[in-house]
Structure formats: C-alpha cells, structure tokens
C-alpha atoms as a PDB file:
ATOM      1  CA  MET A   1       3.038  10.678   8.600  1.00  0.00           C
ATOM      2  CA  VAL A   2       2.201   7.324   9.179  1.00  0.00           C
ATOM      3  CA  ILE A   3      -0.497   5.531   7.740  1.00  0.00           C
ATOM      4  CA  SER A   4      -2.491   2.209   8.038  1.00  0.00           C
ATOM      5  CA  VAL A   5      -2.961   0.183   4.660  1.00  0.00           C
ATOM      6  CA  LYS A   6      -5.405  -2.694   4.052  1.00  0.00           C
ATOM      7  CA  VAL A   7      -4.098  -4.381   0.721  1.00  0.00           C
ATOM      8  CA  LYS A   8      -6.363  -6.204  -1.605  1.00  0.00           C
ATOM      9  CA  PHE A   9      -4.595  -8.387  -3.740  1.00  0.00           C
ATOM     10  CA  GLY A  10      -5.284  -9.920  -7.395  1.00  0.00           C
ATOM     11  CA  SER A  11      -7.776  -7.207  -8.112  1.00  0.00           C
ATOM     12  CA  ASP A  12      -8.853  -6.020 -11.391  1.00  0.00           C
ATOM     13  CA  LYS A  13      -7.799  -2.392 -10.720  1.00  0.00           C
ATOM     14  CA  ARG A  14      -4.868  -0.469  -9.386  1.00  0.00           C
ATOM     15  CA  GLU A  15      -6.015   2.303  -7.159  1.00  0.00           C
ATOM     16  CA  ILE A  16      -5.960   3.751  -3.639  1.00  0.00           C
ATOM     17  CA  GLU A  17      -9.215   4.298  -1.691  1.00  0.00           C
ATOM     18  CA  LYS A  18      -9.047   6.898   1.309  1.00  0.00           C
ATOM     19  CA  ILE A  19     -11.414   5.918   4.118  1.00  0.00           C
ATOM     20  CA  ASP A  20      -9.951   8.692   6.387  1.00  0.00           C
ATOM     21  CA  GLU A  21      -6.734  10.761   7.159  1.00  0.00           C
ATOM     22  CA  THR A  22      -4.663   7.718   8.217  1.00  0.00           C
ATOM     23  CA  ASN A  23      -6.507   4.662   6.968  1.00  0.00           C
ATOM     24  CA  TYR A  24      -6.255   3.354   3.134  1.00  0.00           C
ATOM     25  CA  ILE A  25      -7.342   0.425   0.966  1.00  0.00           C
ATOM     26  CA  VAL A  26      -4.947  -0.218  -1.682  1.00  0.00           C
ATOM     27  CA  PHE A  27      -6.176  -2.449  -4.581  1.00  0.00           C
ATOM     28  CA  LEU A  28      -3.234  -4.373  -6.301  1.00  0.00           C
ATOM     29  CA  LYS A  29      -3.063  -6.461  -9.542  1.00  0.00           C
ATOM     30  CA  GLU A  30       0.043  -8.479  -8.226  1.00  0.00           C
ATOM     31  CA  ARG A  31      -0.315 -11.402  -5.760  1.00  0.00           C
ATOM     32  CA  PRO A  32       1.880 -11.448  -2.397  1.00  0.00           C
ATOM     33  CA  VAL A  33       4.619 -13.321  -4.123  1.00  0.00           C
ATOM     34  CA  LYS A  34       8.393 -12.539  -3.968  1.00  0.00           C
ATOM     35  CA  GLY A  35       7.716  -8.974  -2.783  1.00  0.00           C
ATOM     36  CA  LYS A  36       5.920  -8.097  -6.039  1.00  0.00           C
ATOM     37  CA  ALA A  37       2.770  -6.715  -4.223  1.00  0.00           C
ATOM     38  CA  ASN A  38       4.648  -4.691  -1.703  1.00  0.00           C
ATOM     39  CA  LYS A  39       6.827  -3.046  -4.396  1.00  0.00           C
ATOM     40  CA  GLU A  40       3.484  -2.245  -6.594  1.00  0.00           C
ATOM     41  CA  MET A  41       1.884  -0.758  -3.213  1.00  0.00           C
ATOM     42  CA  LEU A  42       4.894   1.456  -2.574  1.00  0.00           C
ATOM     43  CA  GLN A  43       5.019   2.561  -6.014  1.00  0.00           C
ATOM     44  CA  LEU A  44       1.136   3.538  -6.018  1.00  0.00           C
ATOM     45  CA  LEU A  45       1.487   5.386  -2.760  1.00  0.00           C
ATOM     46  CA  GLU A  46       4.540   7.234  -3.714  1.00  0.00           C
ATOM     47  CA  LYS A  47       2.682   8.365  -6.723  1.00  0.00           C
ATOM     48  CA  TYR A  48      -0.299   9.192  -4.676  1.00  0.00           C
ATOM     49  CA  PHE A  49       1.309  11.310  -2.149  1.00  0.00           C
ATOM     50  CA  ASN A  50       4.206  12.350  -4.430  1.00  0.00           C
ATOM     51  CA  LYS A  51       6.602  11.311  -1.584  1.00  0.00           C
ATOM     52  CA  ASN A  52       8.607   8.660  -0.665  1.00  0.00           C
ATOM     53  CA  ALA A  53       6.750   5.551   1.120  1.00  0.00           C
ATOM     54  CA  LYS A  54       8.494   2.960   3.417  1.00  0.00           C
ATOM     55  CA  ILE A  55       6.744   0.008   5.024  1.00  0.00           C
ATOM     56  CA  ILE A  56       7.007  -0.002   8.921  1.00  0.00           C
ATOM     57  CA  SER A  57       5.480  -3.028   9.873  1.00  0.00           C
ATOM     58  CA  GLY A  58       3.383  -5.855   8.332  1.00  0.00           C
ATOM     59  CA  LYS A  59       5.569  -6.760   5.233  1.00  0.00           C
ATOM     60  CA  THR A  60       4.157 -10.151   4.926  1.00  0.00           C
ATOM     61  CA  LEU A  61       0.673  -9.284   5.914  1.00  0.00           C
ATOM     62  CA  SER A  62      -2.279  -7.483   4.241  1.00  0.00           C
ATOM     63  CA  LYS A  63      -2.439  -4.920   7.018  1.00  0.00           C
ATOM     64  CA  LYS A  64       0.481  -2.618   6.841  1.00  0.00           C
ATOM     65  CA  LEU A  65       1.712   0.552   8.609  1.00  0.00           C
ATOM     66  CA  VAL A  66       3.592   2.578   6.024  1.00  0.00           C
ATOM     67  CA  LYS A  67       5.526   5.743   6.702  1.00  0.00           C
ATOM     68  CA  ILE A  68       5.222   8.546   4.096  1.00  0.00           C
ATOM     69  CA  GLU A  69       8.149  10.987   4.136  1.00  0.00           C
END
C-alpha cells in the first residue's frame, strides 16, 4: 500500500491524522534536520500500521509518498 503523507514539523504533539484511505497528516516534534524528522515519521507510521514503512519520494519535502509493507 502506498500512502501520501503531509508532515507538520515542530508540533507539540506526535500523532497521525487520517484524512482518507491514502492521505494522512503526521505531526512531529522533530525539525527536518539530518533525517531526524523522517526517522520519527517512519517510527510513528510503523507503530500505527504495525508494518514496515519506507519513503518512496519526497525525502526532503513536507509531502511524501510512503510505502507500507
């Protein structure tokens, strides 16, 4: 499954908001520095779906495509 993720950096909360079946907003505490935000996002998504997650595109953008396997 491939999902579209909009990332909100520097939030007070760490959570995932489902928009529809393939679109999500992820709120992260980390800022996009040295891959820390991507790592935090992948950890949240893996816990949420209970599956592995991998960034397909948008590694340096706030909009990403993520494969859930």
